[in-house]
N, C-alpha and C. Protein backbone atom coordinates (compact mmCIF):
# COMPACT_ATOMS: atom_id res chain seq x y z
N MET A 1 0.84 -1.17 0.00
CA MET A 1 0.00 0.00 0.00
C MET A 1 0.89 1.24 0.00
N ALA A 2 0.60 2.13 -0.91
CA ALA A 2 1.40 3.35 -1.05
C ALA A 2 1.08 4.32 0.08
N THR A 3 2.14 4.97 0.57
CA THR A 3 1.92 5.94 1.63
C THR A 3 1.48 7.25 1.02
N LYS A 4 0.61 7.90 1.67
CA LYS A 4 0.07 9.17 1.19
C LYS A 4 0.98 10.30 1.65
N LYS A 5 1.38 11.17 0.67
CA LYS A 5 2.25 12.29 1.03
C LYS A 5 1.45 13.33 1.78
N LYS A 6 2.11 13.90 2.77
CA LYS A 6 1.47 14.97 3.53
C LYS A 6 1.50 16.25 2.69
N PRO A 7 0.45 17.01 2.73
CA PRO A 7 0.45 18.27 1.99
C PRO A 7 1.41 19.26 2.65
N TYR A 8 1.98 20.12 1.82
CA TYR A 8 2.87 21.14 2.36
C TYR A 8 2.06 22.16 3.15
N THR A 9 2.63 22.56 4.25
CA THR A 9 2.01 23.62 5.04
C THR A 9 2.87 24.87 4.89
N LYS A 10 2.29 25.99 5.17
CA LYS A 10 3.01 27.26 5.03
C LYS A 10 4.27 27.26 5.89
N SER A 11 4.22 26.66 7.04
CA SER A 11 5.38 26.65 7.94
C SER A 11 6.48 25.71 7.46
N SER A 12 6.16 24.73 6.60
CA SER A 12 7.18 23.80 6.11
C SER A 12 7.89 24.30 4.86
N LEU A 13 7.43 25.37 4.25
CA LEU A 13 8.05 25.90 3.05
C LEU A 13 9.22 26.82 3.40
N ILE A 14 10.24 26.79 2.57
CA ILE A 14 11.42 27.62 2.76
C ILE A 14 11.36 28.79 1.79
N PRO A 15 11.56 30.01 2.26
CA PRO A 15 11.53 31.16 1.35
C PRO A 15 12.62 31.05 0.29
N LEU A 16 12.27 31.36 -0.94
CA LEU A 16 13.22 31.29 -2.06
C LEU A 16 14.42 32.20 -1.81
N SER A 17 14.21 33.35 -1.18
CA SER A 17 15.31 34.28 -0.92
C SER A 17 16.40 33.64 -0.06
N SER A 18 16.00 32.78 0.88
CA SER A 18 17.01 32.13 1.73
C SER A 18 17.79 31.08 0.95
N ILE A 19 17.16 30.48 -0.05
CA ILE A 19 17.86 29.50 -0.89
C ILE A 19 18.84 30.21 -1.81
N VAL A 20 18.39 31.27 -2.46
CA VAL A 20 19.21 31.98 -3.44
C VAL A 20 20.39 32.67 -2.78
N SER A 21 20.22 33.16 -1.55
CA SER A 21 21.32 33.86 -0.88
C SER A 21 22.29 32.91 -0.18
N ASN A 22 22.03 31.61 -0.22
CA ASN A 22 22.91 30.62 0.39
C ASN A 22 24.27 30.64 -0.33
N PRO A 23 25.40 30.65 0.40
CA PRO A 23 26.72 30.71 -0.23
C PRO A 23 26.98 29.63 -1.28
N SER A 24 26.48 28.42 -1.05
CA SER A 24 26.72 27.36 -2.03
C SER A 24 25.96 27.62 -3.32
N VAL A 25 24.81 28.25 -3.23
CA VAL A 25 24.05 28.60 -4.43
C VAL A 25 24.72 29.77 -5.14
N LYS A 26 25.21 30.74 -4.37
CA LYS A 26 25.90 31.88 -4.95
C LYS A 26 27.09 31.44 -5.79
N SER A 27 27.82 30.45 -5.29
CA SER A 27 29.02 30.00 -6.00
C SER A 27 28.70 29.27 -7.29
N LYS A 28 27.49 28.81 -7.46
CA LYS A 28 27.11 28.09 -8.67
C LYS A 28 26.68 29.01 -9.80
N GLY A 29 26.63 30.30 -9.56
CA GLY A 29 26.28 31.23 -10.63
C GLY A 29 24.80 31.56 -10.71
N ILE A 30 23.98 30.83 -9.99
CA ILE A 30 22.54 31.08 -10.03
C ILE A 30 22.25 32.46 -9.45
N TYR A 31 22.95 32.80 -8.40
CA TYR A 31 22.75 34.08 -7.75
C TYR A 31 23.10 35.24 -8.70
N ALA A 32 24.24 35.14 -9.37
CA ALA A 32 24.66 36.18 -10.32
C ALA A 32 23.67 36.28 -11.47
N TYR A 33 23.18 35.14 -11.94
CA TYR A 33 22.20 35.15 -13.02
C TYR A 33 20.92 35.85 -12.57
N ASN A 34 20.51 35.61 -11.34
CA ASN A 34 19.32 36.24 -10.79
C ASN A 34 19.50 37.76 -10.73
N ILE A 35 20.67 38.21 -10.29
CA ILE A 35 20.97 39.65 -10.24
C ILE A 35 20.95 40.23 -11.65
N LEU A 36 21.61 39.53 -12.58
CA LEU A 36 21.66 40.01 -13.96
C LEU A 36 20.27 40.12 -14.57
N THR A 37 19.44 39.14 -14.33
CA THR A 37 18.06 39.17 -14.84
C THR A 37 17.31 40.37 -14.27
N HIS A 38 17.48 40.61 -12.98
CA HIS A 38 16.81 41.74 -12.34
C HIS A 38 17.29 43.07 -12.94
N ILE A 39 18.60 43.19 -13.15
CA ILE A 39 19.15 44.42 -13.73
C ILE A 39 18.66 44.62 -15.16
N ARG A 40 18.62 43.55 -15.94
CA ARG A 40 18.13 43.66 -17.33
C ARG A 40 16.70 44.20 -17.37
N ARG A 41 15.89 43.75 -16.42
CA ARG A 41 14.50 44.23 -16.38
C ARG A 41 14.42 45.72 -16.05
N GLN A 42 15.39 46.22 -15.30
CA GLN A 42 15.41 47.63 -14.90
C GLN A 42 16.31 48.49 -15.79
N TRP A 43 16.94 47.91 -16.78
CA TRP A 43 17.94 48.61 -17.58
C TRP A 43 17.38 49.85 -18.26
N GLU A 44 16.25 49.73 -18.92
CA GLU A 44 15.68 50.88 -19.64
C GLU A 44 15.37 52.03 -18.69
N ALA A 45 14.78 51.73 -17.56
CA ALA A 45 14.46 52.78 -16.59
C ALA A 45 15.73 53.42 -16.03
N SER A 46 16.80 52.66 -15.96
CA SER A 46 18.05 53.17 -15.39
C SER A 46 18.87 54.00 -16.37
N VAL A 47 18.84 53.62 -17.65
CA VAL A 47 19.73 54.29 -18.61
C VAL A 47 19.00 55.06 -19.71
N GLY A 48 17.70 54.92 -19.79
CA GLY A 48 16.94 55.66 -20.80
C GLY A 48 17.27 55.23 -22.21
N ARG A 49 17.52 56.21 -23.08
CA ARG A 49 17.72 55.96 -24.50
C ARG A 49 18.97 55.11 -24.79
N ILE A 50 19.91 55.11 -23.88
CA ILE A 50 21.14 54.35 -24.07
C ILE A 50 20.85 52.85 -24.21
N LYS A 51 19.71 52.40 -23.70
CA LYS A 51 19.37 50.98 -23.76
C LYS A 51 19.28 50.47 -25.19
N GLU A 52 19.05 51.38 -26.16
CA GLU A 52 18.98 50.96 -27.56
C GLU A 52 20.34 50.52 -28.08
N PHE A 53 21.41 50.94 -27.43
CA PHE A 53 22.76 50.66 -27.90
C PHE A 53 23.59 49.86 -26.89
N SER A 54 22.94 49.37 -25.83
CA SER A 54 23.69 48.68 -24.79
C SER A 54 22.88 47.54 -24.19
N PHE A 55 23.61 46.59 -23.59
CA PHE A 55 22.96 45.42 -23.00
C PHE A 55 23.84 44.81 -21.92
N PRO A 56 23.34 44.71 -20.69
CA PRO A 56 24.11 44.04 -19.64
C PRO A 56 24.19 42.54 -19.95
N TYR A 57 25.39 42.01 -20.07
CA TYR A 57 25.50 40.60 -20.47
C TYR A 57 26.18 39.72 -19.43
N LYS A 58 26.79 40.32 -18.39
CA LYS A 58 27.47 39.48 -17.39
C LYS A 58 27.54 40.21 -16.06
N PHE A 59 27.37 39.45 -14.98
CA PHE A 59 27.56 39.99 -13.63
C PHE A 59 28.41 39.01 -12.86
N ARG A 60 29.51 39.52 -12.28
CA ARG A 60 30.38 38.65 -11.50
C ARG A 60 31.16 39.49 -10.49
N ASP A 61 31.15 39.06 -9.25
CA ASP A 61 31.91 39.70 -8.17
C ASP A 61 31.68 41.21 -8.10
N GLY A 62 30.43 41.63 -8.25
CA GLY A 62 30.09 43.05 -8.14
C GLY A 62 30.28 43.85 -9.41
N VAL A 63 30.82 43.22 -10.46
CA VAL A 63 31.10 43.93 -11.71
C VAL A 63 30.03 43.58 -12.75
N LEU A 64 29.35 44.62 -13.26
CA LEU A 64 28.36 44.44 -14.31
C LEU A 64 29.03 44.78 -15.64
N SER A 65 29.08 43.81 -16.55
CA SER A 65 29.66 44.02 -17.87
C SER A 65 28.54 44.36 -18.84
N VAL A 66 28.77 45.42 -19.63
CA VAL A 66 27.75 45.93 -20.54
C VAL A 66 28.33 46.01 -21.95
N ALA A 67 27.64 45.40 -22.91
CA ALA A 67 28.04 45.49 -24.31
C ALA A 67 27.41 46.75 -24.91
N VAL A 68 28.19 47.47 -25.71
CA VAL A 68 27.71 48.69 -26.38
C VAL A 68 27.97 48.51 -27.87
N THR A 69 26.95 48.77 -28.71
CA THR A 69 27.07 48.49 -30.14
C THR A 69 27.44 49.69 -31.00
N ASP A 70 27.49 50.86 -30.44
CA ASP A 70 27.76 52.05 -31.24
C ASP A 70 28.95 52.80 -30.62
N SER A 71 29.93 53.12 -31.45
CA SER A 71 31.15 53.74 -30.91
C SER A 71 30.90 55.12 -30.32
N ILE A 72 29.97 55.86 -30.89
CA ILE A 72 29.65 57.19 -30.34
C ILE A 72 29.00 57.03 -28.96
N TRP A 73 28.06 56.11 -28.87
CA TRP A 73 27.42 55.87 -27.57
C TRP A 73 28.39 55.23 -26.59
N TYR A 74 29.36 54.47 -27.09
CA TYR A 74 30.38 53.89 -26.22
C TYR A 74 31.14 55.01 -25.51
N SER A 75 31.52 56.04 -26.26
CA SER A 75 32.21 57.19 -25.66
C SER A 75 31.30 57.91 -24.67
N GLU A 76 30.05 58.12 -25.06
CA GLU A 76 29.09 58.82 -24.22
C GLU A 76 28.82 58.06 -22.93
N ILE A 77 28.63 56.77 -23.05
CA ILE A 77 28.28 55.96 -21.88
C ILE A 77 29.43 55.93 -20.87
N LYS A 78 30.67 56.03 -21.36
CA LYS A 78 31.81 56.06 -20.45
C LYS A 78 31.82 57.36 -19.63
N PHE A 79 31.36 58.47 -20.26
CA PHE A 79 31.25 59.73 -19.52
C PHE A 79 30.14 59.67 -18.47
N LEU A 80 29.12 58.89 -18.75
CA LEU A 80 27.97 58.77 -17.85
C LEU A 80 28.10 57.61 -16.86
N LYS A 81 29.27 56.99 -16.82
CA LYS A 81 29.49 55.80 -16.01
C LYS A 81 29.07 55.99 -14.55
N LYS A 82 29.49 57.08 -13.94
CA LYS A 82 29.20 57.31 -12.52
C LYS A 82 27.68 57.43 -12.30
N GLU A 83 27.02 58.18 -13.16
CA GLU A 83 25.57 58.37 -13.04
C GLU A 83 24.82 57.05 -13.25
N ILE A 84 25.25 56.27 -14.24
CA ILE A 84 24.60 54.98 -14.51
C ILE A 84 24.83 54.04 -13.33
N LEU A 85 26.05 54.03 -12.80
CA LEU A 85 26.36 53.16 -11.66
C LEU A 85 25.48 53.51 -10.46
N GLU A 86 25.26 54.80 -10.21
CA GLU A 86 24.38 55.21 -9.11
C GLU A 86 22.97 54.69 -9.31
N LYS A 87 22.45 54.80 -10.55
CA LYS A 87 21.09 54.33 -10.82
C LYS A 87 20.98 52.81 -10.70
N ILE A 88 21.99 52.11 -11.23
CA ILE A 88 21.98 50.65 -11.16
C ILE A 88 22.14 50.19 -9.71
N SER A 89 22.99 50.87 -8.95
CA SER A 89 23.19 50.52 -7.54
C SER A 89 21.92 50.73 -6.73
N ALA A 90 21.11 51.69 -7.15
CA ALA A 90 19.82 51.91 -6.47
C ALA A 90 18.89 50.72 -6.72
N VAL A 91 19.01 50.11 -7.90
CA VAL A 91 18.20 48.94 -8.25
C VAL A 91 18.76 47.70 -7.57
N ASN A 92 20.09 47.58 -7.56
CA ASN A 92 20.73 46.43 -6.94
C ASN A 92 22.05 46.87 -6.33
N SER A 93 22.13 46.85 -5.04
CA SER A 93 23.30 47.36 -4.31
C SER A 93 24.53 46.48 -4.48
N GLU A 94 24.39 45.30 -5.06
CA GLU A 94 25.54 44.41 -5.24
C GLU A 94 26.43 44.85 -6.40
N VAL A 95 25.93 45.71 -7.28
CA VAL A 95 26.73 46.20 -8.40
C VAL A 95 27.63 47.32 -7.87
N THR A 96 28.94 47.10 -7.95
CA THR A 96 29.89 48.08 -7.44
C THR A 96 30.75 48.69 -8.55
N GLU A 97 30.71 48.07 -9.73
CA GLU A 97 31.53 48.57 -10.83
C GLU A 97 30.86 48.24 -12.16
N LEU A 98 31.09 49.11 -13.16
CA LEU A 98 30.59 48.88 -14.51
C LEU A 98 31.78 48.75 -15.46
N ARG A 99 31.68 47.80 -16.39
CA ARG A 99 32.67 47.66 -17.46
C ARG A 99 31.93 47.66 -18.78
N PHE A 100 32.42 48.47 -19.71
CA PHE A 100 31.79 48.57 -21.02
C PHE A 100 32.69 47.95 -22.07
N THR A 101 32.07 47.24 -23.01
CA THR A 101 32.79 46.63 -24.11
C THR A 101 32.11 47.01 -25.41
N LEU A 102 32.89 47.53 -26.35
CA LEU A 102 32.36 47.88 -27.66
C LEU A 102 32.29 46.61 -28.49
N THR A 103 31.13 46.35 -29.07
CA THR A 103 30.93 45.15 -29.89
C THR A 103 30.26 45.55 -31.19
N ASP A 104 30.48 44.77 -32.24
CA ASP A 104 29.82 45.07 -33.51
C ASP A 104 28.54 44.27 -33.68
N ASP A 105 28.14 43.55 -32.65
CA ASP A 105 26.90 42.78 -32.68
C ASP A 105 25.73 43.74 -32.67
N LYS A 106 24.97 43.80 -33.76
CA LYS A 106 23.87 44.76 -33.88
C LYS A 106 22.58 44.26 -33.25
N VAL A 107 22.51 42.99 -32.94
CA VAL A 107 21.29 42.43 -32.37
C VAL A 107 21.42 42.37 -30.85
N ILE A 108 20.75 43.29 -30.18
CA ILE A 108 20.77 43.30 -28.73
C ILE A 108 19.33 43.26 -28.25
N SER A 109 19.03 42.28 -27.47
CA SER A 109 17.70 42.20 -26.88
C SER A 109 17.83 41.54 -25.53
N PRO A 110 16.85 41.76 -24.65
CA PRO A 110 16.91 41.11 -23.34
C PRO A 110 16.93 39.60 -23.42
N LEU A 111 16.44 39.04 -24.53
CA LEU A 111 16.38 37.59 -24.65
C LEU A 111 17.66 36.99 -25.22
N SER A 112 18.42 37.77 -25.95
CA SER A 112 19.62 37.22 -26.55
C SER A 112 20.80 38.17 -26.39
N PRO A 113 21.63 37.94 -25.37
CA PRO A 113 22.80 38.78 -25.19
C PRO A 113 23.79 38.55 -26.33
N PRO A 114 24.74 39.46 -26.53
CA PRO A 114 25.73 39.25 -27.58
C PRO A 114 26.40 37.89 -27.40
N LYS A 115 26.53 37.16 -28.51
CA LYS A 115 27.08 35.81 -28.43
C LYS A 115 28.54 35.80 -28.02
N GLU A 116 29.32 36.60 -28.68
CA GLU A 116 30.74 36.65 -28.36
C GLU A 116 31.23 38.06 -28.57
N LEU A 117 31.87 38.61 -27.58
CA LEU A 117 32.39 39.96 -27.69
C LEU A 117 33.77 39.92 -28.32
N PRO A 118 34.09 40.97 -29.08
CA PRO A 118 35.42 40.98 -29.69
C PRO A 118 36.49 41.11 -28.61
N PRO A 119 37.67 40.58 -28.87
CA PRO A 119 38.73 40.70 -27.87
C PRO A 119 39.15 42.15 -27.68
N VAL A 120 39.60 42.45 -26.49
CA VAL A 120 40.07 43.79 -26.18
C VAL A 120 41.60 43.76 -26.24
N TYR A 121 42.19 44.66 -27.02
CA TYR A 121 43.63 44.69 -27.17
C TYR A 121 44.21 45.89 -26.43
N ARG A 122 45.40 45.70 -25.88
CA ARG A 122 46.10 46.79 -25.20
C ARG A 122 47.40 47.05 -25.95
N ALA A 123 47.97 48.22 -25.70
CA ALA A 123 49.25 48.56 -26.31
C ALA A 123 50.36 47.76 -25.64
N LEU A 124 51.31 47.31 -26.43
CA LEU A 124 52.44 46.56 -25.88
C LEU A 124 53.44 47.52 -25.25
N SER A 125 54.07 47.07 -24.20
CA SER A 125 55.12 47.88 -23.56
C SER A 125 56.39 47.79 -24.41
N ASP A 126 57.29 48.72 -24.21
CA ASP A 126 58.58 48.69 -24.92
C ASP A 126 59.34 47.41 -24.61
N ASN A 127 59.27 46.96 -23.39
CA ASN A 127 59.93 45.73 -22.98
C ASN A 127 59.38 44.52 -23.76
N GLU A 128 58.05 44.47 -23.92
CA GLU A 128 57.43 43.36 -24.66
C GLU A 128 57.83 43.41 -26.13
N ILE A 129 57.83 44.61 -26.71
CA ILE A 129 58.21 44.76 -28.12
C ILE A 129 59.66 44.31 -28.33
N ASN A 130 60.56 44.73 -27.42
CA ASN A 130 61.96 44.33 -27.51
C ASN A 130 62.12 42.82 -27.39
N SER A 131 61.37 42.22 -26.50
CA SER A 131 61.44 40.77 -26.30
C SER A 131 61.00 40.03 -27.57
N ILE A 132 59.92 40.51 -28.19
CA ILE A 132 59.43 39.89 -29.43
C ILE A 132 60.49 40.03 -30.52
N GLU A 133 61.05 41.22 -30.67
CA GLU A 133 62.05 41.47 -31.71
C GLU A 133 63.30 40.62 -31.50
N ASN A 134 63.79 40.55 -30.27
CA ASN A 134 64.99 39.76 -29.97
C ASN A 134 64.78 38.28 -30.28
N THR A 135 63.60 37.77 -29.95
CA THR A 135 63.30 36.37 -30.24
C THR A 135 63.12 36.15 -31.73
N ALA A 136 62.44 37.08 -32.41
CA ALA A 136 62.20 36.95 -33.84
C ALA A 136 63.49 36.95 -34.64
N GLU A 137 64.50 37.67 -34.18
CA GLU A 137 65.79 37.71 -34.88
C GLU A 137 66.45 36.34 -34.96
N LEU A 138 66.10 35.44 -34.07
CA LEU A 138 66.67 34.10 -34.09
C LEU A 138 66.08 33.21 -35.19
N ILE A 139 64.97 33.65 -35.79
CA ILE A 139 64.29 32.88 -36.84
C ILE A 139 64.87 33.31 -38.19
N LYS A 140 65.43 32.36 -38.95
CA LYS A 140 66.12 32.68 -40.20
C LYS A 140 65.15 32.96 -41.35
N ASP A 141 64.06 32.23 -41.43
CA ASP A 141 63.10 32.40 -42.53
C ASP A 141 62.32 33.70 -42.32
N PRO A 142 62.40 34.68 -43.27
CA PRO A 142 61.73 35.98 -43.10
C PRO A 142 60.21 35.88 -42.99
N GLU A 143 59.61 34.98 -43.75
CA GLU A 143 58.15 34.83 -43.70
C GLU A 143 57.72 34.29 -42.34
N LEU A 144 58.42 33.28 -41.86
CA LEU A 144 58.12 32.69 -40.56
C LEU A 144 58.39 33.69 -39.44
N ARG A 145 59.43 34.51 -39.59
CA ARG A 145 59.77 35.55 -38.61
C ARG A 145 58.61 36.54 -38.47
N GLU A 146 58.06 36.96 -39.62
CA GLU A 146 56.95 37.92 -39.60
C GLU A 146 55.69 37.31 -38.98
N ILE A 147 55.43 36.05 -39.30
CA ILE A 147 54.28 35.35 -38.71
C ILE A 147 54.44 35.28 -37.20
N PHE A 148 55.66 34.95 -36.75
CA PHE A 148 55.94 34.87 -35.32
C PHE A 148 55.71 36.22 -34.65
N ARG A 149 56.22 37.31 -35.23
CA ARG A 149 56.04 38.66 -34.67
C ARG A 149 54.56 38.98 -34.51
N ASN A 150 53.79 38.75 -35.58
CA ASN A 150 52.35 39.06 -35.54
C ASN A 150 51.63 38.23 -34.48
N ALA A 151 51.95 36.94 -34.43
CA ALA A 151 51.28 36.07 -33.46
C ALA A 151 51.61 36.48 -32.02
N MET A 152 52.87 36.75 -31.76
CA MET A 152 53.27 37.14 -30.41
C MET A 152 52.67 38.50 -30.03
N SER A 153 52.68 39.44 -30.96
CA SER A 153 52.12 40.76 -30.68
C SER A 153 50.64 40.66 -30.34
N LYS A 154 49.92 39.89 -31.14
CA LYS A 154 48.48 39.74 -30.91
C LYS A 154 48.21 39.02 -29.59
N SER A 155 48.99 37.97 -29.33
CA SER A 155 48.79 37.20 -28.11
C SER A 155 49.06 38.04 -26.86
N LEU A 156 50.15 38.80 -26.86
CA LEU A 156 50.50 39.59 -25.69
C LEU A 156 49.59 40.80 -25.50
N SER A 157 49.00 41.29 -26.58
CA SER A 157 48.19 42.51 -26.46
C SER A 157 46.74 42.23 -26.07
N LYS A 158 46.35 40.94 -26.06
CA LYS A 158 44.98 40.63 -25.63
C LYS A 158 44.83 40.94 -24.16
N GLY A 159 43.82 41.73 -23.85
CA GLY A 159 43.60 42.14 -22.46
C GLY A 159 42.63 41.29 -21.83
């Protein structure tokens, strides 16, 4: 004979907020996803017209990463960073920093974040350039030497 399950009572239920705020759940990324979803819902109210050219795509360790599709708006949004951070922090106090990435992905919607952002390159230091040149000089074949220089420069400049 099958045992009959007892119905849940209000006192036996655990609030979802206590589950989501649990450290083990936070470490699994569910917590960050929940924060990101909440911010995405408030994005338009927080940034106004800028939402047409931007999309929050990642939240981790207090840092909200935002993709921007237009270079002019990318410059503008960087000037408004402090103001946007204040508005976003009012929505969710866990956001402590904003990072913007310029992307050529023209399709931005709350349902589909940019698939892959272009890599960010930094300028090489004089020391890195000298190191590449000194190593490249050891390669006798000129074509292979040039390939090596380009590969090393690109690899070291990825931020």
